[in-house]
């Protein structure tokens, strides 16, 4: 209650009347002052995500951030992209050119095509599984790189691009490091097992069992998906005792037994050493696969 002794100028009733007349705005201001800090991030526009990393006309640096020894001559190299939420921008079925300076030999550059094994959804980094050959200048260069060293990348490159459900059944014949483009394609298909009805049959040839790239991953995929989705058959030149796969080279009989029959909904992909590619291409011709039903990486 107003006391004329304590408030001889009559200011208190004026203040009360003002507050009562503007109570809504006082309440709104108090509400905003309390809750606006929590709301503000929701009111801001979403951050602009960077575009895909790869450019077909521009060499760009990728620093090495991880190297894992998979076998006596096989490494998994992990390179970082500039932004943690940036996509690589590589269509399934295509590859990247990597470039490096070869200081030891004095050559102006090393240039090789490689297919990543990382998934399409992976952002901020890219993985390659690469065999290190004694005579392989680029693989030797990569193996000598230390964390933080950079490689140059450009792409996408390639004539093949996988289209979901374009084929009912894809056959694959891979030799040695020729597995990586196959892995990129079938791994993408199997990750979308409910949306992509494409079946895959893979024949994978190597010299010894130790040469098989990512054997653990391959066996898990075959076990999880079964022959009706992903049929896997190994061929070794020098097999161990009690080997259950095929022995020797990839022959016409092996192709006929483990690949889908020729047809309009079938394509056969092959990638490997040149002699193998030539022999497999000739055998596929003899088995009735048209040129449109074959593709060589």
Protein backbone atom coordinates (compact mmCIF):
# COMPACT_ATOMS: atom_id res chain seq x y z
CA UNK A 1 0.00 0.00 0.00
CA UNK A 2 1.20 3.47 -0.81
CA UNK A 3 2.62 5.43 2.16
CA UNK A 4 2.71 9.23 1.63
CA UNK A 5 5.48 9.57 4.20
CA UNK A 6 7.83 7.09 2.47
CA UNK A 7 6.80 8.22 -1.04
CA UNK A 8 5.83 11.90 -0.77
CA UNK A 9 5.97 12.41 -4.54
CA UNK A 10 3.47 9.64 -5.34
CA UNK A 11 5.85 7.78 -7.69
CA UNK A 12 5.02 4.30 -6.42
CA UNK A 13 1.37 4.28 -7.63
CA UNK A 14 2.51 5.56 -11.02
CA UNK A 15 5.02 2.72 -11.34
CA UNK A 16 2.42 0.14 -10.32
CA UNK A 17 -0.09 1.48 -12.82
CA UNK A 18 2.55 1.45 -15.57
CA UNK A 19 3.53 -2.16 -14.83
CA UNK A 20 -0.12 -3.29 -14.75
CA UNK A 21 -0.77 -1.54 -18.08
CA UNK A 22 2.24 -3.17 -19.71
CA UNK A 23 2.34 -6.50 -17.87
CA UNK A 24 2.24 -8.52 -21.09
CA UNK A 25 5.33 -6.83 -22.50
CA UNK A 26 7.20 -7.19 -19.20
CA UNK A 27 6.36 -10.90 -19.13
CA UNK A 28 7.45 -11.33 -22.76
CA UNK A 29 10.72 -9.51 -22.13
CA UNK A 30 11.42 -11.65 -19.06
CA UNK A 31 10.61 -14.84 -21.00
CA UNK A 32 12.96 -13.88 -23.85
CA UNK A 33 15.74 -12.93 -21.43
CA UNK A 34 15.51 -16.34 -19.73
CA UNK A 35 14.94 -18.67 -22.68
CA UNK A 36 16.42 -16.90 -25.71
CA UNK A 37 20.00 -18.16 -25.10
CA UNK A 38 18.73 -21.74 -25.46
CA UNK A 39 16.61 -20.92 -28.51
CA UNK A 40 19.16 -18.86 -30.39
CA UNK A 41 21.08 -21.78 -31.95
CA UNK A 42 17.78 -23.13 -33.30
CA UNK A 43 16.93 -19.79 -34.90
CA UNK A 44 20.28 -19.49 -36.69
CA UNK A 45 20.42 -20.79 -40.28
CA UNK A 46 22.12 -24.20 -40.58
CA UNK A 47 25.85 -24.06 -41.35
CA UNK A 48 26.76 -24.25 -45.01
CA UNK A 49 28.27 -27.68 -45.67
CA UNK A 50 31.27 -27.78 -47.99
CA UNK A 51 30.87 -29.20 -51.48
CA UNK A 52 32.51 -32.47 -52.57
CA UNK A 53 36.29 -32.53 -52.29
CA UNK A 54 37.28 -33.92 -55.66
CA UNK A 55 37.77 -31.75 -58.72
CA UNK A 56 38.52 -33.26 -62.16
CA UNK A 57 40.73 -30.28 -63.07
CA UNK A 58 42.48 -29.47 -59.80
CA UNK A 59 45.19 -31.28 -57.84
CA UNK A 60 44.46 -30.98 -54.10
CA UNK A 61 46.48 -31.99 -51.05
CA UNK A 62 45.39 -34.74 -48.67
CA UNK A 63 47.44 -35.27 -45.47
CA UNK A 64 48.12 -38.81 -44.28
CA UNK A 65 46.44 -39.35 -40.89
CA UNK A 66 46.63 -43.12 -40.52
CA UNK A 67 48.53 -46.17 -41.78
CA UNK A 68 47.66 -49.75 -40.85
CA UNK A 69 49.74 -52.81 -41.72
CA UNK A 70 47.34 -55.48 -43.02
CA UNK A 71 49.96 -58.01 -44.17
CA UNK A 72 53.65 -58.26 -45.06
CA UNK A 73 53.04 -56.16 -48.20
CA UNK A 74 49.62 -54.57 -47.79
CA UNK A 75 48.73 -51.30 -46.08
CA UNK A 76 45.59 -49.33 -45.38
CA UNK A 77 46.28 -45.62 -45.86
CA UNK A 78 43.88 -43.01 -44.46
CA UNK A 79 43.96 -39.43 -45.73
CA UNK A 80 42.03 -36.45 -44.36
CA UNK A 81 39.82 -34.10 -46.34
CA UNK A 82 39.82 -30.36 -45.52
CA UNK A 83 36.49 -30.46 -43.64
CA UNK A 84 35.26 -33.21 -41.28
CA UNK A 85 31.78 -33.16 -42.88
CA UNK A 86 33.02 -33.03 -46.47
CA UNK A 87 32.14 -35.85 -48.88
CA UNK A 88 34.78 -37.17 -51.24
CA UNK A 89 32.52 -36.85 -54.28
CA UNK A 90 33.49 -40.09 -56.03
CA UNK A 91 30.76 -41.96 -57.95
CA UNK A 92 30.65 -45.70 -57.30
CA UNK A 93 32.75 -47.50 -59.90
CA UNK A 94 35.22 -44.67 -60.50
CA UNK A 95 38.72 -43.96 -59.21
CA UNK A 96 41.14 -41.21 -58.18
CA UNK A 97 44.54 -40.21 -59.53
CA UNK A 98 47.22 -39.78 -56.86
CA UNK A 99 50.36 -37.76 -57.58
CA UNK A 100 53.64 -37.49 -55.70
CA UNK A 101 57.15 -36.24 -56.30
CA UNK A 102 59.77 -38.98 -56.44
CA UNK A 103 62.84 -37.28 -54.96
CA UNK A 104 64.97 -40.44 -54.92
CA UNK A 105 64.83 -41.11 -58.66
CA UNK A 106 64.71 -37.48 -59.72
CA UNK A 107 61.56 -38.15 -61.79
CA UNK A 108 59.25 -35.14 -62.05
CA UNK A 109 56.30 -36.99 -60.53
CA UNK A 110 54.66 -40.29 -59.73
CA UNK A 111 51.12 -40.73 -60.99
CA UNK A 112 48.88 -43.74 -60.34
CA UNK A 113 45.13 -44.48 -60.30
CA UNK A 114 43.64 -45.92 -57.09
CA UNK A 115 40.15 -46.87 -55.99
CA UNK A 116 39.23 -46.06 -52.37
CA UNK A 117 37.66 -48.71 -50.17
CA UNK A 118 35.84 -46.16 -47.99
CA UNK A 119 32.06 -45.92 -48.34
CA UNK A 120 30.07 -43.28 -50.20
CA UNK A 121 28.63 -42.00 -46.91
CA UNK A 122 32.01 -41.56 -45.23
CA UNK A 123 32.96 -37.91 -44.74
CA UNK A 124 36.13 -36.08 -43.79
CA UNK A 125 38.51 -38.86 -44.84
CA UNK A 126 39.26 -41.47 -47.49
CA UNK A 127 40.82 -44.96 -47.19
CA UNK A 128 42.95 -46.90 -49.68
CA UNK A 129 44.15 -50.51 -49.38
CA UNK A 130 47.37 -50.78 -51.39
CA UNK A 131 49.96 -53.50 -51.96
CA UNK A 132 53.56 -52.34 -51.59
CA UNK A 133 55.63 -53.84 -54.40
CA UNK A 134 59.45 -53.81 -54.40
CA UNK A 135 59.43 -52.33 -57.92
CA UNK A 136 56.35 -50.14 -57.33
CA UNK A 137 57.57 -46.55 -57.09
CA UNK A 138 54.25 -45.07 -55.98
CA UNK A 139 53.47 -47.82 -53.45
CA UNK A 140 57.02 -47.49 -52.07
CA UNK A 141 56.55 -43.73 -51.81
CA UNK A 142 53.24 -44.16 -49.95
CA UNK A 143 54.78 -46.69 -47.58
CA UNK A 144 57.58 -44.25 -46.70
CA UNK A 145 55.16 -41.41 -45.92
CA UNK A 146 54.83 -40.33 -42.30
CA UNK A 147 51.73 -38.92 -40.64
CA UNK A 148 51.17 -35.37 -41.80
CA UNK A 149 52.81 -35.87 -45.19
CA UNK A 150 50.56 -34.96 -48.13
CA UNK A 151 49.64 -36.62 -51.40
CA UNK A 152 47.94 -34.86 -54.32
CA UNK A 153 44.57 -36.11 -55.57
CA UNK A 154 42.40 -35.40 -58.61
CA UNK A 155 39.21 -36.96 -59.93
CA UNK A 156 36.74 -38.52 -60.41
CA UNK A 157 38.07 -40.62 -63.27
CA UNK A 158 36.79 -43.70 -65.07
CA UNK A 159 34.30 -44.91 -67.67
CA UNK A 160 32.11 -47.02 -65.37
CA UNK A 161 29.53 -45.75 -62.91
CA UNK A 162 27.32 -48.09 -60.94
CA UNK A 163 23.57 -47.45 -61.22
CA UNK A 164 21.32 -48.99 -58.58
CA UNK A 165 19.27 -51.97 -59.84
CA UNK A 166 20.42 -51.46 -63.45
CA UNK A 167 21.50 -55.11 -63.54
CA UNK A 168 19.93 -58.08 -61.79
CA UNK A 169 23.23 -59.93 -61.46
CA UNK A 170 26.81 -58.64 -61.63
CA UNK A 171 29.70 -61.02 -62.10
CA UNK A 172 33.19 -59.95 -61.05
CA UNK A 173 36.61 -61.39 -61.84
CA UNK A 174 39.45 -59.82 -59.85
CA UNK A 175 43.13 -60.59 -59.59
CA UNK A 176 45.38 -59.25 -56.82
CA UNK A 177 44.90 -55.52 -56.27
CA UNK A 178 42.19 -55.56 -58.94
CA UNK A 179 39.86 -56.30 -56.04
CA UNK A 180 39.56 -52.66 -54.96
CA UNK A 181 37.17 -51.40 -57.68
CA UNK A 182 35.09 -54.54 -57.19
CA UNK A 183 35.04 -54.01 -53.43
CA UNK A 184 33.87 -50.44 -53.88
CA UNK A 185 30.93 -51.60 -56.05
CA UNK A 186 29.77 -54.68 -54.15
CA UNK A 187 30.24 -53.10 -50.73
CA UNK A 188 27.95 -50.27 -51.85
CA UNK A 189 25.36 -52.79 -53.06
CA UNK A 190 25.46 -54.88 -49.89
CA UNK A 191 25.16 -51.83 -47.62
CA UNK A 192 21.82 -51.17 -49.34
CA UNK A 193 20.69 -54.78 -49.26
CA UNK A 194 16.98 -53.95 -48.80
CA UNK A 195 16.86 -51.21 -51.46
CA UNK A 196 19.23 -52.72 -54.03
CA UNK A 197 18.23 -56.11 -55.39
CA UNK A 198 21.39 -56.64 -57.43
CA UNK A 199 23.13 -59.97 -56.90
CA UNK A 200 26.93 -60.22 -57.00
CA UNK A 201 29.20 -63.17 -57.83
CA UNK A 202 32.93 -62.61 -57.29
CA UNK A 203 35.82 -64.76 -58.49
CA UNK A 204 39.00 -63.56 -56.78
CA UNK A 205 42.39 -64.91 -57.91
CA UNK A 206 45.77 -64.63 -56.17
CA UNK A 207 49.09 -66.47 -55.94
CA UNK A 208 48.92 -67.44 -52.25
CA UNK A 209 46.35 -67.15 -49.48
CA UNK A 210 48.48 -64.41 -47.87
CA UNK A 211 48.00 -62.30 -51.00
CA UNK A 212 44.22 -62.11 -50.61
CA UNK A 213 43.29 -58.51 -49.84
CA UNK A 214 40.80 -57.92 -47.02
CA UNK A 215 40.02 -61.64 -46.73
CA UNK A 216 38.38 -61.19 -43.35
CA UNK A 217 35.97 -58.58 -44.72
CA UNK A 218 35.22 -60.70 -47.80
CA UNK A 219 34.48 -63.82 -45.76
CA UNK A 220 32.20 -61.89 -43.41
CA UNK A 221 30.23 -60.44 -46.33
CA UNK A 222 29.84 -63.88 -47.90
CA UNK A 223 28.75 -65.38 -44.59
CA UNK A 224 26.26 -62.61 -43.78
CA UNK A 225 24.63 -62.29 -47.20
CA UNK A 226 24.89 -65.85 -48.54
CA UNK A 227 25.26 -67.07 -52.11
CA UNK A 228 21.90 -65.66 -53.21
CA UNK A 229 23.20 -62.12 -52.65
CA UNK A 230 27.01 -62.34 -52.62
CA UNK A 231 28.70 -65.48 -53.93
CA UNK A 232 32.47 -65.58 -53.35
CA UNK A 233 34.93 -67.99 -54.96
CA UNK A 234 38.72 -67.94 -54.46
CA UNK A 235 41.35 -69.14 -56.93
CA UNK A 236 45.01 -69.65 -55.87
CA UNK A 237 48.08 -70.58 -57.87
CA UNK A 238 49.86 -71.88 -54.78
CA UNK A 239 47.18 -73.02 -52.31
CA UNK A 240 47.77 -74.33 -48.79
CA UNK A 241 46.89 -77.86 -47.71
CA UNK A 242 43.16 -78.60 -47.46
CA UNK A 243 42.32 -75.68 -49.75
CA UNK A 244 38.63 -75.70 -50.74
CA UNK A 245 38.74 -73.12 -53.54
CA UNK A 246 40.01 -73.56 -57.09
CA UNK A 247 43.67 -74.05 -57.95
CA UNK A 248 45.67 -72.63 -60.84
CA UNK A 249 44.48 -69.93 -63.22
CA UNK A 250 40.98 -68.60 -63.85
CA UNK A 251 39.68 -70.90 -66.59
CA UNK A 252 36.60 -70.97 -68.78
CA UNK A 253 35.17 -73.76 -66.62
CA UNK A 254 35.60 -71.67 -63.45
CA UNK A 255 33.94 -68.68 -65.11
CA UNK A 256 31.01 -70.76 -66.31
CA UNK A 257 30.55 -72.37 -62.90
CA UNK A 258 30.71 -69.23 -60.76
CA UNK A 259 29.41 -66.32 -62.88
CA UNK A 260 25.85 -65.50 -63.96
CA UNK A 261 24.89 -66.68 -67.43
CA UNK A 262 24.95 -64.20 -70.31
CA UNK A 263 21.80 -62.10 -70.53
CA UNK A 264 20.40 -58.57 -70.86
CA UNK A 265 20.33 -58.08 -67.07
CA UNK A 266 23.91 -59.26 -66.53
CA UNK A 267 27.31 -57.58 -66.70
CA UNK A 268 30.74 -59.04 -65.97
CA UNK A 269 33.42 -56.73 -64.51
CA UNK A 270 37.10 -57.65 -64.56
CA UNK A 271 40.23 -56.09 -63.13
CA UNK A 272 43.66 -57.60 -62.62
CA UNK A 273 47.03 -58.22 -64.27
CA UNK A 274 46.99 -57.73 -68.04
CA UNK A 275 47.54 -61.44 -68.93
CA UNK A 276 44.60 -62.41 -66.73
CA UNK A 277 42.37 -59.72 -68.23
CA UNK A 278 43.18 -60.87 -71.75
CA UNK A 279 42.58 -64.55 -70.95
CA UNK A 280 39.32 -63.84 -69.08
CA UNK A 281 38.06 -61.56 -71.86
CA UNK A 282 38.69 -64.26 -74.46
CA UNK A 283 36.95 -66.91 -72.33
CA UNK A 284 33.94 -64.64 -71.75
CA UNK A 285 33.64 -64.08 -75.51
CA UNK A 286 33.64 -67.85 -76.05
CA UNK A 287 30.98 -68.29 -73.35
CA UNK A 288 28.64 -65.93 -75.21
CA UNK A 289 28.96 -62.67 -73.29
CA UNK A 290 28.58 -59.71 -75.63
CA UNK A 291 30.84 -56.67 -75.52
CA UNK A 292 28.03 -54.73 -73.78
CA UNK A 293 27.92 -57.40 -71.07
CA UNK A 294 31.62 -56.98 -70.22
CA UNK A 295 33.63 -54.14 -68.67
CA UNK A 296 37.33 -54.01 -67.87
CA UNK A 297 38.58 -51.51 -65.30
